């Protein structure tokens, strides 16, 4: 699901739907923390509360589930890539490959957008 699609769906939530959605997210976070290892899939929560939802509320919750299911999951091997090393002197294109850290130490990747 594209961000624009998710934003459109979320923008359509009004009144009780918005309140119920917020409650769903709060309950999901609480359940996830309580679950073994903090790994309760959003789809499991949605299936548990799915009956009786309005169409727009179900769409919003499906958007959360789609986001939760995107990307690599715990235990999966991440895609390998290389990036220019920060702080390299001008004119030097020193690169670092993610796989070069395998088995050595934990790696934290932080991606940001300043738009």
PDB file of N, CA and C in Angstrom:
ATOM      1  N   UNK A   1       0.834  -1.174   0.000  1.00  0.00           N
ATOM      2  CA  UNK A   1       0.000   0.000   0.000  1.00  0.00           C
ATOM      3  C   UNK A   1       0.881   1.241   0.000  1.00  0.00           C
ATOM      4  N   UNK A   2       0.545   2.160  -0.867  1.00  0.00           N
ATOM      5  CA  UNK A   2       1.297   3.402  -0.950  1.00  0.00           C
ATOM      6  C   UNK A   2       0.913   4.335   0.196  1.00  0.00           C
ATOM      7  N   UNK A   3       1.861   5.192   0.572  1.00  0.00           N
ATOM      8  CA  UNK A   3       1.613   6.150   1.652  1.00  0.00           C
ATOM      9  C   UNK A   3       0.423   7.040   1.321  1.00  0.00           C
ATOM     10  N   UNK A   4       0.301   7.463   0.077  1.00  0.00           N
ATOM     11  CA  UNK A   4      -0.813   8.328  -0.321  1.00  0.00           C
ATOM     12  C   UNK A   4      -2.150   7.620  -0.119  1.00  0.00           C
ATOM     13  N   UNK A   5      -2.203   6.322  -0.425  1.00  0.00           N
ATOM     14  CA  UNK A   5      -3.430   5.553  -0.216  1.00  0.00           C
ATOM     15  C   UNK A   5      -3.770   5.475   1.268  1.00  0.00           C
ATOM     16  N   UNK A   6      -2.756   5.186   2.071  1.00  0.00           N
ATOM     17  CA  UNK A   6      -2.968   5.092   3.517  1.00  0.00           C
ATOM     18  C   UNK A   6      -3.423   6.442   4.072  1.00  0.00           C
ATOM     19  N   UNK A   7      -2.785   7.531   3.642  1.00  0.00           N
ATOM     20  CA  UNK A   7      -3.154   8.864   4.114  1.00  0.00           C
ATOM     21  C   UNK A   7      -4.594   9.215   3.733  1.00  0.00           C
ATOM     22  N   UNK A   8      -5.004   8.828   2.526  1.00  0.00           N
ATOM     23  CA  UNK A   8      -6.378   9.091   2.076  1.00  0.00           C
ATOM     24  C   UNK A   8      -7.369   8.348   2.970  1.00  0.00           C
ATOM     25  N   UNK A   9      -7.093   7.084   3.242  1.00  0.00           N
ATOM     26  CA  UNK A   9      -7.973   6.280   4.093  1.00  0.00           C
ATOM     27  C   UNK A   9      -8.044   6.867   5.496  1.00  0.00           C
ATOM     28  N   UNK A  10      -6.888   7.195   6.049  1.00  0.00           N
ATOM     29  CA  UNK A  10      -6.854   7.729   7.413  1.00  0.00           C
ATOM     30  C   UNK A  10      -7.561   9.087   7.485  1.00  0.00           C
ATOM     31  N   UNK A  11      -7.470   9.872   6.429  1.00  0.00           N
ATOM     32  CA  UNK A  11      -8.129  11.173   6.398  1.00  0.00           C
ATOM     33  C   UNK A  11      -9.643  11.078   6.385  1.00  0.00           C
ATOM     34  N   UNK A  12     -10.173   9.935   5.950  1.00  0.00           N
ATOM     35  CA  UNK A  12     -11.618   9.737   5.900  1.00  0.00           C
ATOM     36  C   UNK A  12     -12.210   9.307   7.238  1.00  0.00           C
ATOM     37  N   UNK A  13     -11.375   8.984   8.222  1.00  0.00           N
ATOM     38  CA  UNK A  13     -11.891   8.570   9.534  1.00  0.00           C
ATOM     39  C   UNK A  13     -12.468   9.775  10.270  1.00  0.00           C
ATOM     40  N   UNK A  14     -13.663   9.636  10.753  1.00  0.00           N
ATOM     41  CA  UNK A  14     -14.326  10.721  11.486  1.00  0.00           C
ATOM     42  C   UNK A  14     -14.960  10.169  12.759  1.00  0.00           C
ATOM     43  N   UNK A  15     -15.124  11.013  13.751  1.00  0.00           N
ATOM     44  CA  UNK A  15     -15.892  10.727  14.952  1.00  0.00           C
ATOM     45  C   UNK A  15     -15.619   9.390  15.610  1.00  0.00           C
ATOM     46  N   UNK A  16     -16.675   8.572  15.688  1.00  0.00           N
ATOM     47  CA  UNK A  16     -16.580   7.280  16.369  1.00  0.00           C
ATOM     48  C   UNK A  16     -15.585   6.341  15.695  1.00  0.00           C
ATOM     49  N   UNK A  17     -15.507   6.394  14.353  1.00  0.00           N
ATOM     50  CA  UNK A  17     -14.538   5.541  13.655  1.00  0.00           C
ATOM     51  C   UNK A  17     -13.116   5.886  14.081  1.00  0.00           C
ATOM     52  N   UNK A  18     -12.816   7.183  14.171  1.00  0.00           N
ATOM     53  CA  UNK A  18     -11.472   7.616  14.584  1.00  0.00           C
ATOM     54  C   UNK A  18     -11.187   7.156  16.019  1.00  0.00           C
ATOM     55  N   UNK A  19     -12.175   7.291  16.894  1.00  0.00           N
ATOM     56  CA  UNK A  19     -12.012   6.871  18.288  1.00  0.00           C
ATOM     57  C   UNK A  19     -11.800   5.358  18.373  1.00  0.00           C
ATOM     58  N   UNK A  20     -12.606   4.597  17.625  1.00  0.00           N
ATOM     59  CA  UNK A  20     -12.475   3.137  17.648  1.00  0.00           C
ATOM     60  C   UNK A  20     -11.136   2.706  17.053  1.00  0.00           C
ATOM     61  N   UNK A  21     -10.682   3.399  16.023  1.00  0.00           N
ATOM     62  CA  UNK A  21      -9.381   3.086  15.430  1.00  0.00           C
ATOM     63  C   UNK A  21      -8.268   3.318  16.450  1.00  0.00           C
ATOM     64  N   UNK A  22      -8.324   4.459  17.155  1.00  0.00           N
ATOM     65  CA  UNK A  22      -7.314   4.763  18.176  1.00  0.00           C
ATOM     66  C   UNK A  22      -7.307   3.692  19.268  1.00  0.00           C
ATOM     67  N   UNK A  23      -8.499   3.230  19.667  1.00  0.00           N
ATOM     68  CA  UNK A  23      -8.600   2.164  20.670  1.00  0.00           C
ATOM     69  C   UNK A  23      -7.979   0.871  20.145  1.00  0.00           C
ATOM     70  N   UNK A  24      -8.217   0.572  18.864  1.00  0.00           N
ATOM     71  CA  UNK A  24      -7.633  -0.623  18.258  1.00  0.00           C
ATOM     72  C   UNK A  24      -6.109  -0.554  18.315  1.00  0.00           C
ATOM     73  N   UNK A  25      -5.548   0.593  17.950  1.00  0.00           N
ATOM     74  CA  UNK A  25      -4.092   0.754  17.956  1.00  0.00           C
ATOM     75  C   UNK A  25      -3.547   0.636  19.372  1.00  0.00           C
ATOM     76  N   UNK A  26      -4.211   1.276  20.335  1.00  0.00           N
ATOM     77  CA  UNK A  26      -3.761   1.184  21.732  1.00  0.00           C
ATOM     78  C   UNK A  26      -3.816  -0.253  22.236  1.00  0.00           C
ATOM     79  N   UNK A  27      -4.925  -0.953  21.934  1.00  0.00           N
ATOM     80  CA  UNK A  27      -5.054  -2.361  22.343  1.00  0.00           C
ATOM     81  C   UNK A  27      -3.995  -3.220  21.671  1.00  0.00           C
ATOM     82  N   UNK A  28      -3.745  -2.942  20.389  1.00  0.00           N
ATOM     83  CA  UNK A  28      -2.742  -3.703  19.646  1.00  0.00           C
ATOM     84  C   UNK A  28      -1.367  -3.550  20.287  1.00  0.00           C
ATOM     85  N   UNK A  29      -1.014  -2.321  20.624  1.00  0.00           N
ATOM     86  CA  UNK A  29       0.295  -2.082  21.254  1.00  0.00           C
ATOM     87  C   UNK A  29       0.392  -2.786  22.601  1.00  0.00           C
ATOM     88  N   UNK A  30      -0.681  -2.742  23.387  1.00  0.00           N
ATOM     89  CA  UNK A  30      -0.694  -3.413  24.691  1.00  0.00           C
ATOM     90  C   UNK A  30      -0.555  -4.920  24.520  1.00  0.00           C
ATOM     91  N   UNK A  31      -1.337  -5.498  23.600  1.00  0.00           N
ATOM     92  CA  UNK A  31      -1.284  -6.947  23.350  1.00  0.00           C
ATOM     93  C   UNK A  31       0.083  -7.360  22.825  1.00  0.00           C
ATOM     94  N   UNK A  32       0.642  -6.546  21.966  1.00  0.00           N
ATOM     95  CA  UNK A  32       1.942  -6.877  21.379  1.00  0.00           C
ATOM     96  C   UNK A  32       3.030  -6.896  22.449  1.00  0.00           C
ATOM     97  N   UNK A  33       2.988  -5.933  23.368  1.00  0.00           N
ATOM     98  CA  UNK A  33       3.962  -5.916  24.456  1.00  0.00           C
ATOM     99  C   UNK A  33       3.804  -7.138  25.347  1.00  0.00           C
ATOM    100  N   UNK A  34       2.559  -7.552  25.570  1.00  0.00           N
ATOM    101  CA  UNK A  34       2.293  -8.689  26.451  1.00  0.00           C
ATOM    102  C   UNK A  34       2.599 -10.023  25.777  1.00  0.00           C
ATOM    103  N   UNK A  35       2.564 -10.060  24.442  1.00  0.00           N
ATOM    104  CA  UNK A  35       2.804 -11.306  23.706  1.00  0.00           C
ATOM    105  C   UNK A  35       4.256 -11.731  23.865  1.00  0.00           C
ATOM    106  N   UNK A  36       4.468 -13.006  23.733  1.00  0.00           N
ATOM    107  CA  UNK A  36       5.818 -13.560  23.843  1.00  0.00           C
ATOM    108  C   UNK A  36       6.741 -12.903  22.834  1.00  0.00           C
ATOM    109  N   UNK A  37       7.754 -12.218  23.323  1.00  0.00           N
ATOM    110  CA  UNK A  37       8.733 -11.584  22.444  1.00  0.00           C
ATOM    111  C   UNK A  37       8.214 -10.344  21.740  1.00  0.00           C
ATOM    112  N   UNK A  38       7.012  -9.885  22.079  1.00  0.00           N
ATOM    113  CA  UNK A  38       6.466  -8.685  21.445  1.00  0.00           C
ATOM    114  C   UNK A  38       6.170  -8.861  19.978  1.00  0.00           C
ATOM    115  N   UNK A  39       5.832 -10.088  19.564  1.00  0.00           N
ATOM    116  CA  UNK A  39       5.650 -10.361  18.142  1.00  0.00           C
ATOM    117  C   UNK A  39       4.225 -10.802  17.817  1.00  0.00           C
ATOM    118  N   UNK A  40       3.238 -10.006  18.146  1.00  0.00           N
ATOM    119  CA  UNK A  40       1.861 -10.314  17.788  1.00  0.00           C
ATOM    120  C   UNK A  40       1.537  -9.600  16.489  1.00  0.00           C
ATOM    121  N   UNK A  41       1.264 -10.345  15.426  1.00  0.00           N
ATOM    122  CA  UNK A  41       0.974  -9.700  14.145  1.00  0.00           C
ATOM    123  C   UNK A  41      -0.324  -8.890  14.204  1.00  0.00           C
ATOM    124  N   UNK A  42      -0.332  -7.754  13.530  1.00  0.00           N
ATOM    125  CA  UNK A  42      -1.529  -6.911  13.486  1.00  0.00           C
ATOM    126  C   UNK A  42      -2.687  -7.655  12.839  1.00  0.00           C
ATOM    127  N   UNK A  43      -2.399  -8.514  11.865  1.00  0.00           N
ATOM    128  CA  UNK A  43      -3.472  -9.267  11.202  1.00  0.00           C
ATOM    129  C   UNK A  43      -4.225 -10.128  12.209  1.00  0.00           C
ATOM    130  N   UNK A  44      -3.504 -10.720  13.146  1.00  0.00           N
ATOM    131  CA  UNK A  44      -4.130 -11.548  14.179  1.00  0.00           C
ATOM    132  C   UNK A  44      -5.104 -10.710  15.013  1.00  0.00           C
ATOM    133  N   UNK A  45      -4.694  -9.516  15.377  1.00  0.00           N
ATOM    134  CA  UNK A  45      -5.571  -8.615  16.137  1.00  0.00           C
ATOM    135  C   UNK A  45      -6.785  -8.216  15.309  1.00  0.00           C
ATOM    136  N   UNK A  46      -6.571  -7.895  14.042  1.00  0.00           N
ATOM    137  CA  UNK A  46      -7.671  -7.474  13.182  1.00  0.00           C
ATOM    138  C   UNK A  46      -8.681  -8.600  13.025  1.00  0.00           C
ATOM    139  N   UNK A  47      -8.198  -9.818  12.836  1.00  0.00           N
ATOM    140  CA  UNK A  47      -9.100 -10.960  12.703  1.00  0.00           C
ATOM    141  C   UNK A  47      -9.927 -11.154  13.970  1.00  0.00           C
ATOM    142  N   UNK A  48      -9.335 -10.854  15.117  1.00  0.00           N
ATOM    143  CA  UNK A  48     -10.028 -11.030  16.391  1.00  0.00           C
ATOM    144  C   UNK A  48     -11.132  -9.992  16.598  1.00  0.00           C
ATOM    145  N   UNK A  49     -10.953  -8.777  16.090  1.00  0.00           N
ATOM    146  CA  UNK A  49     -11.947  -7.715  16.306  1.00  0.00           C
ATOM    147  C   UNK A  49     -12.717  -7.369  15.039  1.00  0.00           C
ATOM    148  N   UNK A  50     -12.497  -8.108  13.965  1.00  0.00           N
ATOM    149  CA  UNK A  50     -13.013  -7.749  12.652  1.00  0.00           C
ATOM    150  C   UNK A  50     -14.515  -7.648  12.508  1.00  0.00           C
ATOM    151  N   UNK A  51     -15.283  -8.441  13.245  1.00  0.00           N
ATOM    152  CA  UNK A  51     -16.736  -8.433  13.081  1.00  0.00           C
ATOM    153  C   UNK A  51     -17.320  -7.109  13.565  1.00  0.00           C
ATOM    154  N   UNK A  52     -18.259  -6.587  12.808  1.00  0.00           N
ATOM    155  CA  UNK A  52     -18.969  -5.391  13.237  1.00  0.00           C
ATOM    156  C   UNK A  52     -18.272  -4.075  12.954  1.00  0.00           C
ATOM    157  N   UNK A  53     -17.219  -4.072  12.161  1.00  0.00           N
ATOM    158  CA  UNK A  53     -16.525  -2.823  11.839  1.00  0.00           C
ATOM    159  C   UNK A  53     -17.199  -2.137  10.658  1.00  0.00           C
ATOM    160  N   UNK A  54     -17.171  -0.811  10.659  1.00  0.00           N
ATOM    161  CA  UNK A  54     -17.651  -0.088   9.485  1.00  0.00           C
ATOM    162  C   UNK A  54     -16.632  -0.282   8.361  1.00  0.00           C
ATOM    163  N   UNK A  55     -17.068  -0.036   7.134  1.00  0.00           N
ATOM    164  CA  UNK A  55     -16.173  -0.229   5.986  1.00  0.00           C
ATOM    165  C   UNK A  55     -14.927   0.649   6.083  1.00  0.00           C
ATOM    166  N   UNK A  56     -15.112   1.923   6.433  1.00  0.00           N
ATOM    167  CA  UNK A  56     -13.967   2.841   6.488  1.00  0.00           C
ATOM    168  C   UNK A  56     -13.020   2.458   7.615  1.00  0.00           C
ATOM    169  N   UNK A  57     -13.568   1.993   8.732  1.00  0.00           N
ATOM    170  CA  UNK A  57     -12.728   1.569   9.849  1.00  0.00           C
ATOM    171  C   UNK A  57     -11.947   0.316   9.480  1.00  0.00           C
ATOM    172  N   UNK A  58     -12.602  -0.605   8.773  1.00  0.00           N
ATOM    173  CA  UNK A  58     -11.902  -1.813   8.339  1.00  0.00           C
ATOM    174  C   UNK A  58     -10.780  -1.452   7.375  1.00  0.00           C
ATOM    175  N   UNK A  59     -11.018  -0.511   6.466  1.00  0.00           N
ATOM    176  CA  UNK A  59      -9.973  -0.077   5.531  1.00  0.00           C
ATOM    177  C   UNK A  59      -8.784   0.510   6.281  1.00  0.00           C
ATOM    178  N   UNK A  60      -9.053   1.334   7.287  1.00  0.00           N
ATOM    179  CA  UNK A  60      -7.969   1.944   8.063  1.00  0.00           C
ATOM    180  C   UNK A  60      -7.164   0.875   8.790  1.00  0.00           C
ATOM    181  N   UNK A  61      -7.853  -0.096   9.360  1.00  0.00           N
ATOM    182  CA  UNK A  61      -7.156  -1.162  10.075  1.00  0.00           C
ATOM    183  C   UNK A  61      -6.371  -2.048   9.116  1.00  0.00           C
ATOM    184  N   UNK A  62      -6.937  -2.284   7.928  1.00  0.00           N
ATOM    185  CA  UNK A  62      -6.209  -3.051   6.908  1.00  0.00           C
ATOM    186  C   UNK A  62      -4.936  -2.314   6.491  1.00  0.00           C
ATOM    187  N   UNK A  63      -4.989  -0.968   6.458  1.00  0.00           N
ATOM    188  CA  UNK A  63      -3.799  -0.179   6.119  1.00  0.00           C
ATOM    189  C   UNK A  63      -2.710  -0.400   7.157  1.00  0.00           C
ATOM    190  N   UNK A  64      -3.090  -0.472   8.434  1.00  0.00           N
ATOM    191  CA  UNK A  64      -2.118  -0.738   9.499  1.00  0.00           C
ATOM    192  C   UNK A  64      -1.543  -2.139   9.336  1.00  0.00           C
ATOM    193  N   UNK A  65      -2.410  -3.103   9.035  1.00  0.00           N
ATOM    194  CA  UNK A  65      -1.961  -4.484   8.854  1.00  0.00           C
ATOM    195  C   UNK A  65      -0.994  -4.576   7.682  1.00  0.00           C
ATOM    196  N   UNK A  66      -1.324  -3.909   6.572  1.00  0.00           N
ATOM    197  CA  UNK A  66      -0.443  -3.943   5.396  1.00  0.00           C
ATOM    198  C   UNK A  66       0.925  -3.370   5.739  1.00  0.00           C
ATOM    199  N   UNK A  67       0.948  -2.275   6.500  1.00  0.00           N
ATOM    200  CA  UNK A  67       2.221  -1.671   6.906  1.00  0.00           C
ATOM    201  C   UNK A  67       3.002  -2.618   7.807  1.00  0.00           C
ATOM    202  N   UNK A  68       2.296  -3.286   8.713  1.00  0.00           N
ATOM    203  CA  UNK A  68       2.936  -4.208   9.646  1.00  0.00           C
ATOM    204  C   UNK A  68       3.572  -5.392   8.916  1.00  0.00           C
ATOM    205  N   UNK A  69       2.956  -5.800   7.805  1.00  0.00           N
ATOM    206  CA  UNK A  69       3.435  -6.977   7.082  1.00  0.00           C
ATOM    207  C   UNK A  69       4.508  -6.647   6.049  1.00  0.00           C
ATOM    208  N   UNK A  70       4.785  -5.355   5.829  1.00  0.00           N
ATOM    209  CA  UNK A  70       5.806  -4.960   4.855  1.00  0.00           C
ATOM    210  C   UNK A  70       7.200  -5.151   5.417  1.00  0.00           C
ATOM    211  N   UNK A  71       8.149  -5.257   4.534  1.00  0.00           N
ATOM    212  CA  UNK A  71       9.550  -5.267   4.944  1.00  0.00           C
ATOM    213  C   UNK A  71      10.012  -6.573   5.542  1.00  0.00           C
ATOM    214  N   UNK A  72      11.275  -6.620   5.923  1.00  0.00           N
ATOM    215  CA  UNK A  72      11.830  -7.846   6.499  1.00  0.00           C
ATOM    216  C   UNK A  72      11.230  -8.111   7.879  1.00  0.00           C
ATOM    217  N   UNK A  73      11.164  -9.371   8.226  1.00  0.00           N
ATOM    218  CA  UNK A  73      10.633  -9.792   9.513  1.00  0.00           C
ATOM    219  C   UNK A  73      11.751 -10.393  10.353  1.00  0.00           C
ATOM    220  N   UNK A  74      11.475 -10.535  11.638  1.00  0.00           N
ATOM    221  CA  UNK A  74      12.458 -11.090  12.564  1.00  0.00           C
ATOM    222  C   UNK A  74      12.934 -12.438  12.037  1.00  0.00           C
ATOM    223  N   UNK A  75      14.248 -12.606  11.992  1.00  0.00           N
ATOM    224  CA  UNK A  75      14.844 -13.866  11.552  1.00  0.00           C
ATOM    225  C   UNK A  75      15.143 -13.939  10.067  1.00  0.00           C
ATOM    226  N   UNK A  76      14.587 -13.030   9.266  1.00  0.00           N
ATOM    227  CA  UNK A  76      14.864 -13.024   7.832  1.00  0.00           C
ATOM    228  C   UNK A  76      16.201 -12.341   7.571  1.00  0.00           C
ATOM    229  N   UNK A  77      16.880 -12.806   6.545  1.00  0.00           N
ATOM    230  CA  UNK A  77      18.140 -12.178   6.152  1.00  0.00           C
ATOM    231  C   UNK A  77      17.798 -10.901   5.383  1.00  0.00           C
ATOM    232  N   UNK A  78      18.341  -9.764   5.803  1.00  0.00           N
ATOM    233  CA  UNK A  78      18.028  -8.511   5.106  1.00  0.00           C
ATOM    234  C   UNK A  78      18.727  -8.459   3.749  1.00  0.00           C
ATOM    235  N   UNK A  79      18.209  -7.648   2.840  1.00  0.00           N
ATOM    236  CA  UNK A  79      18.889  -7.495   1.559  1.00  0.00           C
ATOM    237  C   UNK A  79      20.254  -6.841   1.769  1.00  0.00           C
ATOM    238  N   UNK A  80      21.229  -7.274   1.009  1.00  0.00           N
ATOM    239  CA  UNK A  80      22.572  -6.706   1.137  1.00  0.00           C
ATOM    240  C   UNK A  80      22.673  -5.445   0.281  1.00  0.00           C
ATOM    241  N   UNK A  81      23.396  -4.484   0.771  1.00  0.00           N
ATOM    242  CA  UNK A  81      23.617  -3.245   0.030  1.00  0.00           C
ATOM    243  C   UNK A  81      24.872  -2.579   0.563  1.00  0.00           C
ATOM    244  N   UNK A  82      25.357  -1.586  -0.178  1.00  0.00           N
ATOM    245  CA  UNK A  82      26.491  -0.810   0.320  1.00  0.00           C
ATOM    246  C   UNK A  82      26.171   0.672   0.205  1.00  0.00           C
ATOM    247  N   UNK A  83      26.757   1.421   1.126  1.00  0.00           N
ATOM    248  CA  UNK A  83      26.549   2.867   1.175  1.00  0.00           C
ATOM    249  C   UNK A  83      27.882   3.570   1.347  1.00  0.00           C
ATOM    250  N   UNK A  84      27.919   4.829   0.930  1.00  0.00           N
ATOM    251  CA  UNK A  84      29.119   5.624   1.149  1.00  0.00           C
ATOM    252  C   UNK A  84      29.278   5.851   2.646  1.00  0.00           C
ATOM    253  N   UNK A  85      30.481   5.660   3.123  1.00  0.00           N
ATOM    254  CA  UNK A  85      30.762   5.832   4.553  1.00  0.00           C
ATOM    255  C   UNK A  85      30.706   7.316   4.910  1.00  0.00           C
ATOM    256  N   UNK A  86      29.954   7.623   5.950  1.00  0.00           N
ATOM    257  CA  UNK A  86      29.882   9.013   6.412  1.00  0.00           C
ATOM    258  C   UNK A  86      31.230   9.423   6.966  1.00  0.00           C
ATOM    259  N   UNK A  87      31.605  10.644   6.728  1.00  0.00           N
ATOM    260  CA  UNK A  87      32.864  11.149   7.252  1.00  0.00           C
ATOM    261  C   UNK A  87      34.063  10.826   6.382  1.00  0.00           C
ATOM    262  N   UNK A  88      33.843  10.202   5.220  1.00  0.00           N
ATOM    263  CA  UNK A  88      34.964   9.943   4.316  1.00  0.00           C
ATOM    264  C   UNK A  88      35.506  11.273   3.812  1.00  0.00           C
ATOM    265  N   UNK A  89      36.825  11.396   3.715  1.00  0.00           N
ATOM    266  CA  UNK A  89      37.400  12.650   3.216  1.00  0.00           C
ATOM    267  C   UNK A  89      36.904  12.953   1.803  1.00  0.00           C
ATOM    268  N   UNK A  90      36.838  14.228   1.486  1.00  0.00           N
ATOM    269  CA  UNK A  90      36.397  14.644   0.154  1.00  0.00           C
ATOM    270  C   UNK A  90      37.233  13.951  -0.908  1.00  0.00           C
ATOM    271  N   UNK A  91      36.571  13.510  -1.943  1.00  0.00           N
ATOM    272  CA  UNK A  91      37.265  12.861  -3.040  1.00  0.00           C
ATOM    273  C   UNK A  91      37.430  11.361  -2.839  1.00  0.00           C
ATOM    274  N   UNK A  92      37.137  10.857  -1.654  1.00  0.00           N
ATOM    275  CA  UNK A  92      37.229   9.425  -1.401  1.00  0.00           C
ATOM    276  C   UNK A  92      35.822   8.850  -1.360  1.00  0.00           C
ATOM    277  N   UNK A  93      35.658   7.753  -2.049  1.00  0.00           N
ATOM    278  CA  UNK A  93      34.345   7.118  -2.104  1.00  0.00           C
ATOM    279  C   UNK A  93      34.406   5.796  -1.339  1.00  0.00           C
ATOM    280  N   UNK A  94      34.770   5.877  -0.069  1.00  0.00           N
ATOM    281  CA  UNK A  94      34.847   4.671   0.753  1.00  0.00           C
ATOM    282  C   UNK A  94      33.426   4.159   0.991  1.00  0.00           C
ATOM    283  N   UNK A  95      33.220   2.865   0.745  1.00  0.00           N
ATOM    284  CA  UNK A  95      31.886   2.286   0.870  1.00  0.00           C
ATOM    285  C   UNK A  95      31.893   1.197   1.932  1.00  0.00           C
ATOM    286  N   UNK A  96      30.740   0.997   2.536  1.00  0.00           N
ATOM    287  CA  UNK A  96      30.571  -0.026   3.562  1.00  0.00           C
ATOM    288  C   UNK A  96      29.436  -0.941   3.124  1.00  0.00           C
ATOM    289  N   UNK A  97      29.669  -2.256   3.185  1.00  0.00           N
ATOM    290  CA  UNK A  97      28.665  -3.248   2.795  1.00  0.00           C
ATOM    291  C   UNK A  97      28.035  -3.842   4.052  1.00  0.00           C
ATOM    292  N   UNK A  98      26.717  -3.918   4.080  1.00  0.00           N
ATOM    293  CA  UNK A  98      26.001  -4.451   5.235  1.00  0.00           C
ATOM    294  C   UNK A  98      26.478  -5.853   5.592  1.00  0.00           C
ATOM    295  N   UNK A  99      26.636  -6.713   4.613  1.00  0.00           N
ATOM    296  CA  UNK A  99      27.007  -8.106   4.888  1.00  0.00           C
ATOM    297  C   UNK A  99      28.389  -8.231   5.517  1.00  0.00           C
ATOM    298  N   UNK A 100      29.213  -7.182   5.439  1.00  0.00           N
ATOM    299  CA  UNK A 100      30.551  -7.270   6.034  1.00  0.00           C
ATOM    300  C   UNK A 100      30.492  -7.316   7.560  1.00  0.00           C
ATOM    301  N   UNK A 101      29.348  -6.973   8.145  1.00  0.00           N
ATOM    302  CA  UNK A 101      29.198  -6.996   9.604  1.00  0.00           C
ATOM    303  C   UNK A 101      28.602  -8.300  10.117  1.00  0.00           C
ATOM    304  N   UNK A 102      28.196  -9.187   9.211  1.00  0.00           N
ATOM    305  CA  UNK A 102      27.521 -10.422   9.621  1.00  0.00           C
ATOM    306  C   UNK A 102      28.388 -11.219  10.592  1.00  0.00           C
ATOM    307  N   UNK A 103      27.776 -11.588  11.715  1.00  0.00           N
ATOM    308  CA  UNK A 103      28.462 -12.390  12.716  1.00  0.00           C
ATOM    309  C   UNK A 103      29.427 -11.621  13.597  1.00  0.00           C
ATOM    310  N   UNK A 104      29.598 -10.331  13.363  1.00  0.00           N
ATOM    311  CA  UNK A 104      30.552  -9.543  14.141  1.00  0.00           C
ATOM    312  C   UNK A 104      29.895  -8.804  15.297  1.00  0.00           C
ATOM    313  N   UNK A 105      28.842  -8.071  14.991  1.00  0.00           N
ATOM    314  CA  UNK A 105      28.191  -7.254  16.019  1.00  0.00           C
ATOM    315  C   UNK A 105      26.827  -6.812  15.499  1.00  0.00           C
ATOM    316  N   UNK A 106      25.960  -6.363  16.413  1.00  0.00           N
ATOM    317  CA  UNK A 106      24.658  -5.860  15.962  1.00  0.00           C
ATOM    318  C   UNK A 106      24.837  -4.596  15.121  1.00  0.00           C
ATOM    319  N   UNK A 107      23.941  -4.413  14.184  1.00  0.00           N
ATOM    320  CA  UNK A 107      23.977  -3.235  13.321  1.00  0.00           C
ATOM    321  C   UNK A 107      22.620  -2.541  13.406  1.00  0.00           C
ATOM    322  N   UNK A 108      22.624  -1.244  13.609  1.00  0.00           N
ATOM    323  CA  UNK A 108      21.393  -0.448  13.598  1.00  0.00           C
ATOM    324  C   UNK A 108      21.402   0.419  12.351  1.00  0.00           C
ATOM    325  N   UNK A 109      20.342   0.337  11.573  1.00  0.00           N
ATOM    326  CA  UNK A 109      20.214   1.154  10.372  1.00  0.00           C
ATOM    327  C   UNK A 109      19.137   2.190  10.617  1.00  0.00           C
ATOM    328  N   UNK A 110      19.453   3.431  10.348  1.00  0.00           N
ATOM    329  CA  UNK A 110      18.488   4.505  10.534  1.00  0.00           C
ATOM    330  C   UNK A 110      18.371   5.245   9.211  1.00  0.00           C
ATOM    331  N   UNK A 111      17.169   5.250   8.678  1.00  0.00           N
ATOM    332  CA  UNK A 111      16.914   5.956   7.438  1.00  0.00           C
ATOM    333  C   UNK A 111      16.005   7.127   7.762  1.00  0.00           C
ATOM    334  N   UNK A 112      16.332   8.293   7.260  1.00  0.00           N
ATOM    335  CA  UNK A 112      15.521   9.466   7.536  1.00  0.00           C
ATOM    336  C   UNK A 112      15.247  10.241   6.271  1.00  0.00           C
ATOM    337  N   UNK A 113      14.224  11.039   6.335  1.00  0.00           N
ATOM    338  CA  UNK A 113      13.873  11.900   5.222  1.00  0.00           C
ATOM    339  C   UNK A 113      13.653  13.301   5.764  1.00  0.00           C
ATOM    340  N   UNK A 114      14.260  14.242   5.150  1.00  0.00           N
ATOM    341  CA  UNK A 114      14.139  15.620   5.599  1.00  0.00           C
ATOM    342  C   UNK A 114      13.379  16.432   4.564  1.00  0.00           C
ATOM    343  N   UNK A 115      12.241  15.899   4.152  1.00  0.00           N
ATOM    344  CA  UNK A 115      11.433  16.609   3.155  1.00  0.00           C
ATOM    345  C   UNK A 115      10.227  17.235   3.790  1.00  0.00           C
TER     346      UNK A 115
END
